Amino acid sequence: MISCISCHFSKPKEEDGEDGSAYCECRRYPPKILYFDSDPESHHVQYAVWPETKPDDWCGEWKEER
Protein backbone atom coordinates (compact mmCIF):
# COMPACT_ATOMS: atom_id res chain seq x y z
CA MET A 1 0.00 0.00 0.00
CA ILE A 2 1.39 3.40 -0.95
CA SER A 3 1.20 5.45 2.26
CA CYS A 4 3.52 7.12 4.75
CA ILE A 5 3.83 4.05 6.97
CA SER A 6 5.30 2.02 4.08
CA CYS A 7 7.58 4.77 2.73
CA HIS A 8 11.37 4.54 2.84
CA PHE A 9 11.53 8.17 4.08
CA SER A 10 9.04 7.76 6.92
CA LYS A 11 9.98 7.14 10.56
CA PRO A 12 7.29 6.24 13.11
CA LYS A 13 7.29 8.65 16.05
CA GLU A 14 7.96 7.20 19.48
CA GLU A 15 5.10 9.11 21.09
CA ASP A 16 1.52 9.46 19.91
CA GLY A 17 -0.12 12.74 18.95
CA GLU A 18 -2.29 14.79 21.29
CA ASP A 19 -5.37 13.01 19.99
CA GLY A 20 -3.82 9.59 20.72
CA SER A 21 -3.18 8.82 17.06
CA ALA A 22 0.09 7.39 15.82
CA TYR A 23 2.19 9.71 13.67
CA CYS A 24 5.20 9.41 11.40
CA GLU A 25 8.01 11.85 10.69
CA CYS A 26 8.72 12.48 7.03
CA ARG A 27 12.48 12.39 6.47
CA ARG A 28 12.40 13.04 2.70
CA TYR A 29 13.87 16.54 3.11
CA PRO A 30 15.83 18.26 5.92
CA PRO A 31 13.83 19.38 8.95
CA LYS A 32 12.17 22.78 8.84
CA ILE A 33 13.45 25.51 11.13
CA LEU A 34 10.73 27.20 13.19
CA TYR A 35 11.20 30.33 15.26
CA PHE A 36 9.20 31.16 18.38
CA ASP A 37 9.14 34.20 20.64
CA SER A 38 9.54 32.64 24.05
CA ASP A 39 9.85 35.94 25.88
CA PRO A 40 9.60 39.53 24.63
CA GLU A 41 12.95 40.34 26.27
CA SER A 42 14.82 37.33 24.89
CA HIS A 43 15.89 36.31 21.43
CA HIS A 44 13.89 34.02 19.19
CA VAL A 45 14.04 30.34 20.04
CA GLN A 46 14.81 28.08 17.12
CA TYR A 47 13.56 24.51 16.63
CA ALA A 48 14.15 22.03 13.85
CA VAL A 49 11.13 19.81 13.18
CA TRP A 50 10.34 17.04 10.74
CA PRO A 51 6.90 17.22 9.08
CA GLU A 52 4.40 14.97 10.87
CA THR A 53 2.09 12.71 8.91
CA LYS A 54 -0.48 10.08 9.76
CA PRO A 55 0.45 6.53 8.73
CA ASP A 56 -2.26 6.40 6.04
CA ASP A 57 -1.33 9.78 4.47
CA TRP A 58 0.51 9.77 1.15
CA CYS A 59 2.28 12.10 -1.28
CA GLY A 60 3.97 12.04 -4.68
CA GLU A 61 7.42 11.46 -3.13
CA TRP A 62 6.68 7.94 -1.84
CA LYS A 63 9.51 5.43 -2.23
CA GLU A 64 9.42 1.72 -1.44
CA GLU A 65 11.07 0.68 1.83
CA ARG A 66 14.42 -1.08 1.57
C-alpha atoms as a PDB file:
ATOM      1  CA  MET A   1       0.000   0.000   0.000  1.00  0.00           C
ATOM      2  CA  ILE A   2       1.388   3.403  -0.948  1.00  0.00           C
ATOM      3  CA  SER A   3       1.204   5.447   2.264  1.00  0.00           C
ATOM      4  CA  CYS A   4       3.523   7.118   4.753  1.00  0.00           C
ATOM      5  CA  ILE A   5       3.826   4.054   6.974  1.00  0.00           C
ATOM      6  CA  SER A   6       5.302   2.022   4.085  1.00  0.00           C
ATOM      7  CA  CYS A   7       7.575   4.775   2.728  1.00  0.00           C
ATOM      8  CA  HIS A   8      11.366   4.544   2.835  1.00  0.00           C
ATOM      9  CA  PHE A   9      11.533   8.171   4.078  1.00  0.00           C
ATOM     10  CA  SER A  10       9.044   7.763   6.924  1.00  0.00           C
ATOM     11  CA  LYS A  11       9.982   7.136  10.562  1.00  0.00           C
ATOM     12  CA  PRO A  12       7.288   6.241  13.110  1.00  0.00           C
ATOM     13  CA  LYS A  13       7.294   8.650  16.050  1.00  0.00           C
ATOM     14  CA  GLU A  14       7.956   7.198  19.475  1.00  0.00           C
ATOM     15  CA  GLU A  15       5.099   9.113  21.089  1.00  0.00           C
ATOM     16  CA  ASP A  16       1.525   9.462  19.910  1.00  0.00           C
ATOM     17  CA  GLY A  17      -0.118  12.743  18.953  1.00  0.00           C
ATOM     18  CA  GLU A  18      -2.288  14.794  21.290  1.00  0.00           C
ATOM     19  CA  ASP A  19      -5.374  13.006  19.986  1.00  0.00           C
ATOM     20  CA  GLY A  20      -3.825   9.586  20.724  1.00  0.00           C
ATOM     21  CA  SER A  21      -3.184   8.825  17.056  1.00  0.00           C
ATOM     22  CA  ALA A  22       0.088   7.387  15.822  1.00  0.00           C
ATOM     23  CA  TYR A  23       2.187   9.708  13.667  1.00  0.00           C
ATOM     24  CA  CYS A  24       5.199   9.409  11.395  1.00  0.00           C
ATOM     25  CA  GLU A  25       8.005  11.852  10.690  1.00  0.00           C
ATOM     26  CA  CYS A  26       8.719  12.481   7.025  1.00  0.00           C
ATOM     27  CA  ARG A  27      12.481  12.389   6.475  1.00  0.00           C
ATOM     28  CA  ARG A  28      12.396  13.044   2.699  1.00  0.00           C
ATOM     29  CA  TYR A  29      13.870  16.543   3.112  1.00  0.00           C
ATOM     30  CA  PRO A  30      15.831  18.256   5.915  1.00  0.00           C
ATOM     31  CA  PRO A  31      13.834  19.378   8.952  1.00  0.00           C
ATOM     32  CA  LYS A  32      12.165  22.776   8.843  1.00  0.00           C
ATOM     33  CA  ILE A  33      13.445  25.512  11.125  1.00  0.00           C
ATOM     34  CA  LEU A  34      10.727  27.204  13.186  1.00  0.00           C
ATOM     35  CA  TYR A  35      11.196  30.332  15.257  1.00  0.00           C
ATOM     36  CA  PHE A  36       9.195  31.163  18.379  1.00  0.00           C
ATOM     37  CA  ASP A  37       9.137  34.205  20.637  1.00  0.00           C
ATOM     38  CA  SER A  38       9.539  32.640  24.047  1.00  0.00           C
ATOM     39  CA  ASP A  39       9.847  35.939  25.881  1.00  0.00           C
ATOM     40  CA  PRO A  40       9.602  39.533  24.632  1.00  0.00           C
ATOM     41  CA  GLU A  41      12.955  40.343  26.269  1.00  0.00           C
ATOM     42  CA  SER A  42      14.820  37.330  24.893  1.00  0.00           C
ATOM     43  CA  HIS A  43      15.890  36.311  21.428  1.00  0.00           C
ATOM     44  CA  HIS A  44      13.894  34.017  19.194  1.00  0.00           C
ATOM     45  CA  VAL A  45      14.040  30.339  20.045  1.00  0.00           C
ATOM     46  CA  GLN A  46      14.808  28.085  17.120  1.00  0.00           C
ATOM     47  CA  TYR A  47      13.559  24.508  16.634  1.00  0.00           C
ATOM     48  CA  ALA A  48      14.155  22.028  13.849  1.00  0.00           C
ATOM     49  CA  VAL A  49      11.133  19.813  13.176  1.00  0.00           C
ATOM     50  CA  TRP A  50      10.340  17.036  10.737  1.00  0.00           C
ATOM     51  CA  PRO A  51       6.904  17.215   9.081  1.00  0.00           C
ATOM     52  CA  GLU A  52       4.405  14.969  10.873  1.00  0.00           C
ATOM     53  CA  THR A  53       2.092  12.709   8.909  1.00  0.00           C
ATOM     54  CA  LYS A  54      -0.479  10.079   9.758  1.00  0.00           C
ATOM     55  CA  PRO A  55       0.448   6.534   8.731  1.00  0.00           C
ATOM     56  CA  ASP A  56      -2.264   6.404   6.042  1.00  0.00           C
ATOM     57  CA  ASP A  57      -1.327   9.778   4.473  1.00  0.00           C
ATOM     58  CA  TRP A  58       0.509   9.771   1.153  1.00  0.00           C
ATOM     59  CA  CYS A  59       2.278  12.102  -1.278  1.00  0.00           C
ATOM     60  CA  GLY A  60       3.970  12.041  -4.677  1.00  0.00           C
ATOM     61  CA  GLU A  61       7.419  11.460  -3.132  1.00  0.00           C
ATOM     62  CA  TRP A  62       6.675   7.939  -1.839  1.00  0.00           C
ATOM     63  CA  LYS A  63       9.510   5.431  -2.233  1.00  0.00           C
ATOM     64  CA  GLU A  64       9.423   1.721  -1.444  1.00  0.00           C
ATOM     65  CA  GLU A  65      11.071   0.677   1.832  1.00  0.00           C
ATOM     66  CA  ARG A  66      14.418  -1.076   1.565  1.00  0.00           C
END
